Protein backbone atom coordinates (compact mmCIF):
# COMPACT_ATOMS: atom_id res chain seq x y z
CA UNK A 1 75.03 128.58 96.60
CA UNK A 2 77.55 130.80 94.06
CA UNK A 3 75.98 132.07 91.05
CA UNK A 4 79.45 132.99 89.38
CA UNK A 5 82.60 131.23 89.18
CA UNK A 6 86.21 131.41 87.65
CA UNK A 7 87.69 127.95 86.65
CA UNK A 8 91.51 128.30 86.35
CA UNK A 9 92.65 125.62 84.03
CA UNK A 10 96.33 124.52 83.87
CA UNK A 11 98.23 121.76 81.98
CA UNK A 12 99.18 120.70 85.55
CA UNK A 13 102.32 119.37 87.43
CA UNK A 14 102.97 116.62 89.60
CA UNK A 15 105.55 118.72 91.49
CA UNK A 16 104.13 120.13 94.49
CA UNK A 17 106.77 122.63 94.98
CA UNK A 18 106.44 124.49 91.77
CA UNK A 19 102.60 124.23 92.02
CA UNK A 20 102.53 126.43 95.00
CA UNK A 21 105.07 128.72 93.36
CA UNK A 22 103.45 128.88 90.10
CA UNK A 23 99.80 127.78 89.65
CA UNK A 24 98.50 128.93 93.17
CA UNK A 25 99.79 132.31 92.72
CA UNK A 26 98.24 132.75 89.40
CA UNK A 27 94.91 131.40 90.86
CA UNK A 28 95.07 133.68 93.64
CA UNK A 29 95.64 136.87 91.49
CA UNK A 30 92.46 136.09 89.21
CA UNK A 31 90.36 135.34 92.36
CA UNK A 32 91.54 138.69 93.79
CA UNK A 33 90.64 140.40 90.59
CA UNK A 34 87.22 138.82 90.35
CA UNK A 35 85.96 138.54 94.07
CA UNK A 36 82.37 137.93 93.16
CA UNK A 37 83.39 134.75 91.85
CA UNK A 38 84.15 131.37 93.21
CA UNK A 39 87.39 130.10 92.18
CA UNK A 40 87.90 126.55 91.09
CA UNK A 41 91.07 124.36 89.44
CA UNK A 42 91.26 122.10 86.72
CA UNK A 43 94.06 120.32 84.95
CA UNK A 44 94.12 119.24 81.25
CA UNK A 45 97.04 116.43 81.67
CA UNK A 46 95.48 113.24 82.29
CA UNK A 47 98.98 111.73 83.15
CA UNK A 48 99.38 114.20 85.77
CA UNK A 49 96.06 114.07 87.40
CA UNK A 50 96.46 110.17 87.61
CA UNK A 51 99.96 110.61 89.04
CA UNK A 52 98.65 113.15 91.68
CA UNK A 53 95.84 110.72 92.55
CA UNK A 54 97.91 107.63 92.88
CA UNK A 55 101.03 109.26 94.66
CA UNK A 56 99.53 111.84 96.77
CA UNK A 57 95.81 110.74 97.13
CA UNK A 58 95.23 114.26 95.46
CA UNK A 59 92.00 114.68 93.42
CA UNK A 60 92.01 117.64 91.05
CA UNK A 61 89.15 117.86 88.34
CA UNK A 62 89.79 117.90 84.68
CA UNK A 63 87.76 120.17 82.63
CA UNK A 64 84.41 118.28 82.35
CA UNK A 65 84.62 117.05 85.86
CA UNK A 66 84.92 120.72 87.05
CA UNK A 67 81.96 122.01 84.65
CA UNK A 68 79.91 119.27 85.52
CA UNK A 69 80.37 119.85 89.33
CA UNK A 70 79.59 123.77 88.74
CA UNK A 71 76.59 122.92 86.82
CA UNK A 72 75.55 120.71 89.63
CA UNK A 73 75.97 123.26 92.24
CA UNK A 74 73.40 125.58 90.27
CA UNK A 75 76.30 128.03 89.02
CA UNK A 76 75.10 130.01 86.25
CA UNK A 77 77.91 132.26 85.00
CA UNK A 78 81.40 130.73 84.66
CA UNK A 79 84.44 132.40 83.21
CA UNK A 80 87.29 129.75 82.28
CA UNK A 81 90.87 131.15 82.22
CA UNK A 82 93.46 128.95 81.10
CA UNK A 83 97.36 129.06 82.16
CA UNK A 84 98.54 127.86 78.91
CA UNK A 85 100.96 129.69 76.92
CA UNK A 86 99.84 129.65 73.58
CA UNK A 87 96.87 128.77 71.52
CA UNK A 88 98.05 125.11 71.04
CA UNK A 89 96.93 121.62 71.48
CA UNK A 90 96.00 121.69 75.30
CA UNK A 91 94.14 125.05 74.63
CA UNK A 92 92.36 123.42 71.48
CA UNK A 93 91.42 120.50 74.12
CA UNK A 94 90.24 122.75 76.42
CA UNK A 95 87.81 124.50 74.01
CA UNK A 96 86.55 121.01 72.99
CA UNK A 97 85.80 119.79 76.34
CA UNK A 98 84.14 122.81 77.56
CA UNK A 99 82.02 123.35 74.34
CA UNK A 100 79.32 120.62 75.42
CA UNK A 101 78.60 122.32 78.69
CA UNK A 102 77.76 125.58 77.20
CA UNK A 103 74.24 124.77 77.47
CA UNK A 104 74.17 123.98 81.00
CA UNK A 105 75.13 127.46 82.12
CA UNK A 106 73.49 131.04 81.41
CA UNK A 107 76.97 132.07 80.41
CA UNK A 108 80.14 130.44 79.50
CA UNK A 109 83.39 132.73 78.53
CA UNK A 110 86.95 131.47 77.79
CA UNK A 111 89.71 133.61 78.37
CA UNK A 112 92.99 133.56 76.04
CA UNK A 113 96.10 131.90 76.62
CA UNK A 114 99.31 134.17 77.65
CA UNK A 115 100.36 134.70 74.08
CA UNK A 116 97.48 135.56 71.81
CA UNK A 117 97.78 139.37 70.77
CA UNK A 118 100.65 141.59 69.93
CA UNK A 119 99.71 143.31 73.21
CA UNK A 120 100.34 140.06 75.02
CA UNK A 121 103.63 139.52 73.60
CA UNK A 122 104.71 142.94 74.42
CA UNK A 123 103.38 142.66 77.88
CA UNK A 124 105.10 139.32 78.49
CA UNK A 125 108.34 140.48 77.12
CA UNK A 126 108.07 143.41 79.56
CA UNK A 127 107.49 140.95 82.38
CA UNK A 128 110.47 138.94 81.30
CA UNK A 129 112.68 142.05 81.35
CA UNK A 130 111.54 143.03 84.93
CA UNK A 131 113.15 139.82 86.34
CA UNK A 132 116.50 138.99 84.04
CA UNK A 133 119.64 140.32 85.06
CA UNK A 134 121.25 143.50 82.93
CA UNK A 135 122.82 142.70 79.75
CA UNK A 136 126.31 141.49 80.41
CA UNK A 137 129.35 141.23 78.12
CA UNK A 138 129.99 137.56 77.30
CA UNK A 139 126.79 136.30 78.60
CA UNK A 140 123.73 134.84 77.09
CA UNK A 141 120.46 133.79 78.36
CA UNK A 142 118.61 130.71 76.90
CA UNK A 143 115.07 129.97 77.63
CA UNK A 144 113.64 126.44 77.20
CA UNK A 145 109.95 126.69 75.78
CA UNK A 146 108.05 123.12 75.58
CA UNK A 147 107.58 123.23 71.64
CA UNK A 148 104.76 121.55 69.70
CA UNK A 149 103.79 120.55 66.44
CA UNK A 150 100.96 122.72 66.58
CA UNK A 151 101.13 125.86 64.29
CA UNK A 152 100.77 128.05 67.39
CA UNK A 153 104.58 127.06 68.05
CA UNK A 154 105.56 130.39 65.77
CA UNK A 155 105.06 131.90 69.29
CA UNK A 156 108.44 131.07 70.58
CA UNK A 157 110.18 132.74 67.35
CA UNK A 158 107.85 136.01 67.86
CA UNK A 159 108.76 136.39 71.52
CA UNK A 160 112.28 136.17 70.90
CA UNK A 161 112.04 138.30 67.92
CA UNK A 162 110.30 141.08 70.09
CA UNK A 163 112.95 140.58 72.92
CA UNK A 164 115.54 141.60 70.29
CA UNK A 165 113.69 144.50 69.08
CA UNK A 166 113.62 145.70 72.73
CA UNK A 167 117.35 145.56 72.80
CA UNK A 168 117.95 141.97 74.40
CA UNK A 169 119.68 140.34 71.40
CA UNK A 170 121.43 138.15 74.16
CA UNK A 171 118.22 136.36 74.87
CA UNK A 172 117.44 133.07 72.98
CA UNK A 173 114.65 130.90 73.02
CA UNK A 174 114.77 127.06 72.26
CA UNK A 175 112.41 124.36 72.53
CA UNK A 176 111.97 120.71 73.70
CA UNK A 177 109.72 119.56 71.08
CA UNK A 178 109.53 122.26 68.17
CA UNK A 179 111.41 124.78 66.51
CA UNK A 180 113.78 126.48 67.25
CA UNK A 181 115.28 123.21 68.94
CA UNK A 182 118.46 123.21 71.25
CA UNK A 183 120.33 122.56 67.82
CA UNK A 184 119.25 125.90 66.64
CA UNK A 185 119.92 127.70 69.67
CA UNK A 186 123.44 126.12 69.55
CA UNK A 187 123.97 127.06 65.99
CA UNK A 188 123.03 130.68 67.00
CA UNK A 189 125.42 130.69 69.67
CA UNK A 190 128.23 129.68 67.54
CA UNK A 191 127.73 132.91 65.80
CA UNK A 192 128.73 134.55 68.91
CA UNK A 193 132.31 133.60 69.93
CA UNK A 194 132.44 136.08 72.69
CA UNK A 195 129.72 134.34 74.65
CA UNK A 196 131.29 132.03 77.40
CA UNK A 197 128.66 132.13 80.09
CA UNK A 198 125.01 130.85 79.93
CA UNK A 199 121.92 131.50 82.01
CA UNK A 200 119.29 128.98 81.43
CA UNK A 201 115.68 129.66 82.14
CA UNK A 202 112.47 127.60 81.53
CA UNK A 203 109.76 129.05 79.47
CA UNK A 204 107.02 127.19 81.18
CA UNK A 205 104.46 128.24 83.70
CA UNK A 206 105.89 125.73 86.01
CA UNK A 207 109.39 124.71 86.53
CA UNK A 208 108.62 120.82 86.46
CA UNK A 209 110.07 117.97 85.03
CA UNK A 210 111.44 119.75 81.95
CA UNK A 211 112.94 122.44 83.88
CA UNK A 212 114.81 120.09 86.39
CA UNK A 213 115.73 117.32 84.03
CA UNK A 214 115.90 118.42 80.48
CA UNK A 215 117.02 121.91 81.18
CA UNK A 216 119.33 121.70 84.51
CA UNK A 217 119.77 118.03 85.11
CA UNK A 218 122.90 116.22 85.82
CA UNK A 219 122.39 113.59 82.72
CA UNK A 220 124.52 114.23 79.82
CA UNK A 221 122.07 115.04 77.40
CA UNK A 222 120.25 117.83 79.44
CA UNK A 223 121.13 121.46 78.05
CA UNK A 224 123.04 122.36 80.99
CA UNK A 225 125.56 119.36 80.49
CA UNK A 226 125.77 119.89 76.63
CA UNK A 227 126.75 123.46 76.98
CA UNK A 228 129.20 122.50 79.82
CA UNK A 229 130.61 119.87 77.56
CA UNK A 230 131.24 122.70 75.07
CA UNK A 231 133.15 124.88 77.34
CA UNK A 232 130.35 127.13 78.62
CA UNK A 233 129.96 128.33 82.12
CA UNK A 234 126.47 127.20 82.80
CA UNK A 235 124.01 128.62 85.50
CA UNK A 236 120.40 127.75 85.68
CA UNK A 237 117.33 129.87 87.15
CA UNK A 238 114.69 127.40 87.83
CA UNK A 239 111.64 129.82 88.13
CA UNK A 240 108.31 129.02 86.38
CA UNK A 241 106.64 131.98 84.53
CA UNK A 242 103.97 131.66 87.14
CA UNK A 243 106.52 132.99 89.65
CA UNK A 244 106.73 136.42 87.73
CA UNK A 245 104.12 139.05 88.51
CA UNK A 246 104.11 140.51 85.29
CA UNK A 247 103.11 137.39 83.63
CA UNK A 248 100.50 136.87 86.17
CA UNK A 249 99.06 140.21 85.24
CA UNK A 250 98.62 139.08 81.80
CA UNK A 251 96.73 136.19 82.85
CA UNK A 252 94.51 138.22 85.08
CA UNK A 253 93.75 140.91 82.39
CA UNK A 254 92.57 137.79 80.21
CA UNK A 255 90.42 136.48 82.83
CA UNK A 256 88.79 140.06 83.53
CA UNK A 257 88.13 140.45 79.64
CA UNK A 258 86.51 137.18 79.24
CA UNK A 259 84.58 137.97 82.70
CA UNK A 260 83.42 141.21 80.95
CA UNK A 261 83.24 140.94 77.44
CA UNK A 262 80.78 138.07 77.22
CA UNK A 263 81.17 134.41 76.14
CA UNK A 264 83.26 133.38 72.97
């Protein structure tokens, strides 16, 4: 009977290809760093959980189900590590769902999302620089984040600002549902008439629907199509952040800190 567990919580994805390339490696790295804990998985998106169950017959626990299961198995010490990017709505939901279970464990610790402290931003920026191509005249790189109405949305601007401070003013960040949006990214591009080539990246843990459709899809309203219509030469790198070793290292550090420093 395991006494300790680490529950890795993701928003989730219905794209099994990117699941294997992103969430699974994050979970594997965390499990390797915490070998005395049994590894479990939960997703926070009910829509994705229902789709996986209906389409693939694949059941994945949500957070209450996973914690109920662990308590029923007699686990006494649980570290919960999210793979969320920011301290936004999904992280708030995770905290709210976990709180009622605190009394069922001797210890319940919850780790931080990717972008929480200044150290996190710097480590994340360096992780991106490890995988980005060298700066090239006439080329700009544009990341697509999800965006949110939550006040944590400011994380996108802070990350872009830090990348600029590190010398990569060729990197821009836009979001699907927040600020800066695609319109703001286009306006900043208009200030750089020398840029004629664009490389697009998802700024999301998984490269799922938003990456494959909103970013790189053939529809006229995708970011790729809109940029091509404006005369840019566009290429896309459809790698989720979970594929980058440096990003996974941040999540591992947060899991270790939560496991070692006590419950929040």
